[in-house]
Protein backbone atom coordinates (compact mmCIF):
# COMPACT_ATOMS: atom_id res chain seq x y z
CA MET A 1 0.00 0.00 0.00
CA ALA A 2 1.91 3.03 -1.28
CA GLY A 3 -0.96 5.53 -0.96
CA TRP A 4 -3.23 6.35 1.93
CA ILE A 5 -5.70 3.59 1.08
CA SER A 6 -5.42 0.05 -0.19
CA LYS A 7 -5.95 -0.97 -3.80
CA GLU A 8 -9.16 -2.86 -2.96
CA LEU A 9 -10.68 0.17 -1.25
CA ALA A 10 -9.47 2.56 -3.98
CA VAL A 11 -11.19 0.51 -6.69
CA ILE A 12 -14.46 1.11 -4.85
CA LEU A 13 -13.93 4.69 -3.67
CA VAL A 14 -12.51 6.31 -6.83
CA PRO A 15 -15.65 5.68 -8.95
CA ILE A 16 -17.86 6.89 -6.09
CA ILE A 17 -15.76 10.04 -5.66
CA THR A 18 -15.86 10.56 -9.44
CA LEU A 19 -19.67 10.33 -9.50
CA ILE A 20 -19.98 12.77 -6.62
CA ALA A 21 -17.53 15.19 -8.25
CA GLY A 22 -19.42 14.90 -11.55
CA ALA A 23 -22.70 15.71 -9.83
CA ILE A 24 -21.14 18.75 -8.14
CA ILE A 25 -19.59 19.97 -11.42
CA GLY A 26 -22.89 19.45 -13.24
CA TYR A 27 -24.80 21.37 -10.58
CA LEU A 28 -22.30 24.25 -10.63
CA ALA A 29 -22.26 24.28 -14.45
CA GLN A 30 -26.05 24.51 -14.50
CA ARG A 31 -26.20 27.25 -11.86
CA THR A 32 -23.46 29.39 -13.44
CA GLY A 33 -24.30 28.84 -17.12
CA PHE A 34 -20.81 27.47 -17.71
CA CYS A 35 -19.65 27.21 -21.32
CA ALA A 36 -16.03 26.96 -22.50
CA VAL A 37 -16.84 28.07 -26.05
CA GLY A 38 -18.95 30.93 -24.74
CA GLY A 39 -16.13 31.98 -22.43
CA PHE A 40 -13.69 32.40 -25.29
CA ARG A 41 -16.38 34.03 -27.45
CA ASP A 42 -17.26 36.54 -24.72
CA TYR A 43 -13.61 37.34 -24.09
CA ILE A 44 -12.72 37.82 -27.76
CA LEU A 45 -15.81 39.86 -28.64
CA PHE A 46 -16.58 41.76 -25.44
CA ARG A 47 -13.58 41.25 -23.11
CA HIS A 48 -15.90 39.65 -20.53
CA THR A 49 -14.07 37.08 -18.41
CA ARG A 50 -16.86 35.60 -16.24
CA LEU A 51 -17.31 32.38 -18.26
CA LEU A 52 -13.60 32.13 -19.02
CA LYS A 53 -12.81 32.12 -15.29
CA GLY A 54 -15.02 29.05 -14.93
CA PHE A 55 -13.16 27.31 -17.76
CA PHE A 56 -9.78 27.88 -16.11
CA SER A 57 -11.22 26.95 -12.72
CA ILE A 58 -12.23 23.54 -14.07
CA ILE A 59 -8.76 22.97 -15.53
CA ILE A 60 -7.02 23.92 -12.28
CA SER A 61 -9.48 21.87 -10.19
CA ALA A 62 -8.98 18.82 -12.40
CA PHE A 63 -5.20 19.09 -12.03
CA VAL A 64 -5.42 19.45 -8.24
CA ALA A 65 -7.87 16.52 -8.03
CA TYR A 66 -5.54 14.41 -10.19
CA LEU A 67 -2.62 15.08 -7.83
CA LEU A 68 -4.79 14.47 -4.76
CA LEU A 69 -6.15 11.14 -6.05
CA HIS A 70 -2.62 10.11 -6.98
CA ALA A 71 -1.42 10.85 -3.45
CA ILE A 72 -4.32 8.91 -1.93
CA THR A 73 -4.15 5.92 -4.29
CA ALA A 74 -0.50 5.90 -5.38
CA GLY A 75 -0.15 2.12 -5.34
CA ALA A 76 -3.71 1.28 -6.25
CA PHE A 77 -3.63 1.86 -9.99
CA GLU A 78 -0.65 0.84 -12.06
CA HIS A 79 0.79 3.71 -14.11
CA PHE A 80 -1.74 6.22 -12.67
CA PRO A 81 0.32 9.28 -13.55
CA TRP A 82 0.99 7.66 -16.93
CA ALA A 83 3.05 10.47 -18.46
CA LEU A 84 5.35 10.54 -15.41
CA THR A 85 5.79 6.78 -14.93
CA SER A 86 5.96 5.51 -18.51
CA GLY A 87 7.20 8.36 -20.65
CA ILE A 88 5.11 10.62 -22.83
CA LEU A 89 5.59 8.64 -26.06
CA SER A 90 5.04 5.16 -24.61
CA PRO A 91 1.79 3.24 -25.25
CA VAL A 92 -1.05 4.18 -22.95
CA PRO A 93 -1.58 1.29 -20.48
CA GLY A 94 -5.01 -0.31 -20.84
CA ALA A 95 -6.10 1.94 -23.70
CA PRO A 96 -7.97 0.41 -26.64
CA ALA A 97 -6.18 -0.31 -29.93
CA ASP A 98 -2.71 -0.39 -28.31
CA LEU A 99 -1.59 2.76 -30.13
CA SER A 100 1.22 5.08 -29.06
CA ALA A 101 0.65 8.23 -27.08
CA ALA A 102 1.27 10.29 -30.23
CA ALA A 103 -1.56 8.47 -31.99
CA TYR A 104 -3.94 9.11 -29.11
CA LEU A 105 -2.86 12.76 -29.10
CA ILE A 106 -3.61 13.03 -32.83
CA LEU A 107 -7.04 11.43 -32.31
CA ALA A 108 -7.74 13.74 -29.36
CA LEU A 109 -6.79 16.81 -31.39
CA ILE A 110 -9.01 15.75 -34.30
CA GLY A 111 -11.92 15.06 -31.95
CA GLY A 112 -11.32 18.24 -29.98
CA ILE A 113 -11.23 20.43 -33.07
CA GLY A 114 -14.36 18.73 -34.40
CA MET A 115 -16.22 19.23 -31.12
CA GLY A 116 -15.02 22.83 -30.94
CA VAL A 117 -16.25 23.67 -34.44
CA ILE A 118 -19.61 21.99 -33.80
CA GLY A 119 -19.80 23.73 -30.40
CA VAL A 120 -19.32 27.11 -32.07
CA TYR A 121 -22.12 26.39 -34.54
CA LEU A 122 -24.42 25.25 -31.74
CA GLY A 123 -23.51 28.08 -29.41
CA GLY A 124 -21.94 26.03 -26.64
CA CYS A 125 -19.48 23.33 -25.64
CA PRO A 126 -20.60 19.71 -25.00
CA LEU A 127 -20.92 20.31 -21.25
CA ARG A 128 -23.15 23.30 -21.94
CA GLN A 129 -25.23 21.15 -24.30
CA PHE A 130 -25.81 18.65 -21.48
CA VAL A 131 -26.79 21.49 -19.15
CA MET A 132 -29.18 22.96 -21.73
CA THR A 133 -30.66 19.47 -22.30
CA THR A 134 -31.51 19.25 -18.60
CA GLU A 135 -33.17 22.65 -18.95
CA GLY A 136 -35.43 21.31 -21.72
CA ASN A 137 -33.66 22.60 -24.85
CA MET A 138 -34.58 20.16 -27.65
CA LYS A 139 -31.73 21.29 -29.94
CA SER A 140 -29.28 20.38 -27.21
CA LEU A 141 -31.01 17.05 -26.65
CA TRP A 142 -30.45 16.18 -30.31
CA PHE A 143 -26.80 17.16 -29.92
CA VAL A 144 -26.37 14.86 -26.91
CA VAL A 145 -28.14 11.97 -28.66
CA GLY A 146 -26.12 12.61 -31.82
CA MET A 147 -22.88 12.69 -29.85
CA ALA A 148 -23.65 9.33 -28.24
CA VAL A 149 -24.77 7.68 -31.47
CA GLY A 150 -21.93 9.29 -33.43
CA SER A 151 -19.27 8.04 -31.04
CA VAL A 152 -20.57 4.47 -31.32
CA LEU A 153 -20.81 4.68 -35.11
CA PHE A 154 -17.35 6.20 -35.36
CA TYR A 155 -15.91 3.37 -33.34
CA LEU A 156 -17.75 0.66 -35.23
CA ILE A 157 -17.24 2.03 -38.75
CA THR A 158 -14.03 4.00 -38.85
CA MET A 159 -11.89 2.95 -35.89
CA GLY A 160 -10.47 -0.04 -37.76
CA LEU A 161 -9.47 2.24 -40.63
CA VAL A 162 -7.97 4.85 -38.29
CA LYS A 163 -6.06 2.18 -36.35
CA GLY A 164 -4.69 0.77 -39.60
CA ILE A 165 -3.54 4.16 -40.87
CA LEU A 166 -1.90 5.04 -37.55
CA LYS A 167 -0.16 1.63 -37.34
CA ILE A 168 1.16 2.03 -40.90
CA ALA A 169 2.41 5.50 -39.96
CA GLY A 170 4.24 3.93 -37.01
CA LEU A 171 2.11 5.61 -34.38
């Protein structure tokens, strides 16, 4: 036991803590009208920083929570701080497709840019779309349903092709 709690207890507590944190973040996002895309839009167009402060608060909070969970469960999950224990260009332990970190970074950038462009057209980031769905916005509901169906279809239809291309490229 290298952390504060054993591996057996960590496997139970980490998902529970994650669900509680997700509920708190969702509640705060709903109450504040959080939107990452809107934060950048408001700053660029009007120099308003209210929404942008929330965006940076989430990034800082996630980093602090990451370090805290690592301190609590240091021995519970193998390679938990993956980039520090395995090297940034080593394969991601337990990740699907057994691609290198560079390949996952490329896929994340493609997905992030795609979600950002779609978020701009819809007037809000994916988290904001979930919040607006809970408020009864039907356009946002279709976005959430489309995101879920699209991710499954992407995996089923194109993931084999993407994996093949990335393997050929040596990633």
